[in-house]
Amino acid sequence: MSLKVVVVGCGKIADGHVEEIQKLPELAQVVAVCDLEPLMAEQLAERLGVPRFYGDFDQMLAQERPDVVHVTTPPMVHRALAERA
């Protein structure tokens, strides 16, 4: 069984996280990405073949129920997002 991974924050660094996770399909799968700007999330999902995207972090957590959350936002919001996850 592979881990369900989500990524919050769809800036440039998120691509690297998704690409590395995708190298280990037997261990983990990126099931969704999220960004306050939904277009950013949609573009990342389309570019890297992620099945779902969200503009709302709490909705993503509720819908996806991930095992792992990669926080790739600006550092000042890391703690708040990690605590919510």
Protein backbone atom coordinates (compact mmCIF):
# COMPACT_ATOMS: atom_id res chain seq x y z
CA MET A 1 0.00 0.00 0.00
CA SER A 2 1.44 3.38 -0.96
CA LEU A 3 1.15 6.56 1.06
CA LYS A 4 -1.34 9.20 -0.07
CA VAL A 5 0.56 12.47 -0.42
CA VAL A 6 -0.79 15.98 -0.95
CA VAL A 7 1.16 19.15 -1.65
CA VAL A 8 0.12 22.60 -0.47
CA GLY A 9 1.72 25.54 -2.24
CA CYS A 10 2.14 25.21 -6.00
CA GLY A 11 5.07 27.49 -6.68
CA LYS A 12 8.26 26.37 -8.40
CA ILE A 13 9.57 24.23 -5.52
CA ALA A 14 6.38 22.13 -5.54
CA ASP A 15 7.29 20.71 -8.96
CA GLY A 16 10.47 19.21 -7.52
CA HIS A 17 8.60 17.63 -4.62
CA VAL A 18 6.00 16.05 -6.89
CA GLU A 19 8.61 14.83 -9.37
CA GLU A 20 10.65 13.14 -6.63
CA ILE A 21 7.59 11.47 -5.08
CA GLN A 22 6.55 10.20 -8.51
CA LYS A 23 9.86 8.34 -8.74
CA LEU A 24 8.67 6.05 -5.92
CA PRO A 25 5.20 4.87 -6.98
CA GLU A 26 5.39 1.72 -4.88
CA LEU A 27 5.87 3.87 -1.74
CA ALA A 28 3.86 7.05 -2.33
CA GLN A 29 1.44 8.70 -4.73
CA VAL A 30 0.62 12.40 -5.02
CA VAL A 31 -3.18 12.41 -5.00
CA ALA A 32 -3.80 16.18 -4.92
CA VAL A 33 -2.23 19.64 -4.87
CA CYS A 34 -3.54 22.87 -3.40
CA ASP A 35 -2.86 26.58 -3.70
CA LEU A 36 -4.70 29.74 -2.64
CA GLU A 37 -4.64 30.55 -6.35
CA PRO A 38 -6.56 27.60 -7.83
CA LEU A 39 -5.13 28.23 -11.29
CA MET A 40 -1.63 27.51 -9.95
CA ALA A 41 -2.86 24.22 -8.48
CA GLU A 42 -4.65 23.30 -11.70
CA GLN A 43 -1.58 24.02 -13.82
CA LEU A 44 0.68 21.93 -11.57
CA ALA A 45 -1.82 19.06 -11.58
CA GLU A 46 -2.06 19.12 -15.37
CA ARG A 47 1.68 19.51 -15.90
CA LEU A 48 2.65 16.57 -13.68
CA GLY A 49 -0.39 14.32 -13.92
CA VAL A 50 -1.76 14.81 -10.41
CA PRO A 51 -5.40 13.65 -10.36
CA ARG A 52 -6.97 16.46 -8.29
CA PHE A 53 -6.36 20.08 -7.34
CA TYR A 54 -7.87 22.42 -4.75
CA GLY A 55 -7.97 26.08 -3.83
CA ASP A 56 -8.95 25.31 -0.23
CA PHE A 57 -6.52 23.49 2.08
CA ASP A 58 -9.11 22.32 4.62
CA GLN A 59 -11.34 20.96 1.87
CA MET A 60 -8.40 19.05 0.39
CA LEU A 61 -7.57 17.53 3.76
CA ALA A 62 -11.19 16.49 4.36
CA GLN A 63 -11.64 15.03 0.88
CA GLU A 64 -8.28 13.32 0.45
CA ARG A 65 -7.45 12.27 4.03
CA PRO A 66 -3.71 12.15 3.21
CA ASP A 67 -1.00 10.22 5.00
CA VAL A 68 1.61 12.88 4.19
CA VAL A 69 1.38 16.63 3.56
CA HIS A 70 4.24 18.43 1.81
CA VAL A 71 4.17 22.12 2.72
CA THR A 72 5.84 24.07 -0.09
CA THR A 73 4.51 27.52 0.74
CA PRO A 74 6.49 30.56 1.89
CA PRO A 75 8.13 29.76 5.26
CA MET A 76 6.00 32.14 7.35
CA VAL A 77 2.91 29.93 6.95
CA HIS A 78 4.56 26.52 7.34
CA ARG A 79 3.72 26.11 11.01
CA ALA A 80 0.05 27.08 10.68
CA LEU A 81 -0.46 24.66 7.77
CA ALA A 82 1.42 21.86 9.49
CA GLU A 83 -0.70 22.25 12.62
CA ARG A 84 -3.90 22.15 10.56
CA ALA A 85 -2.71 19.05 8.75
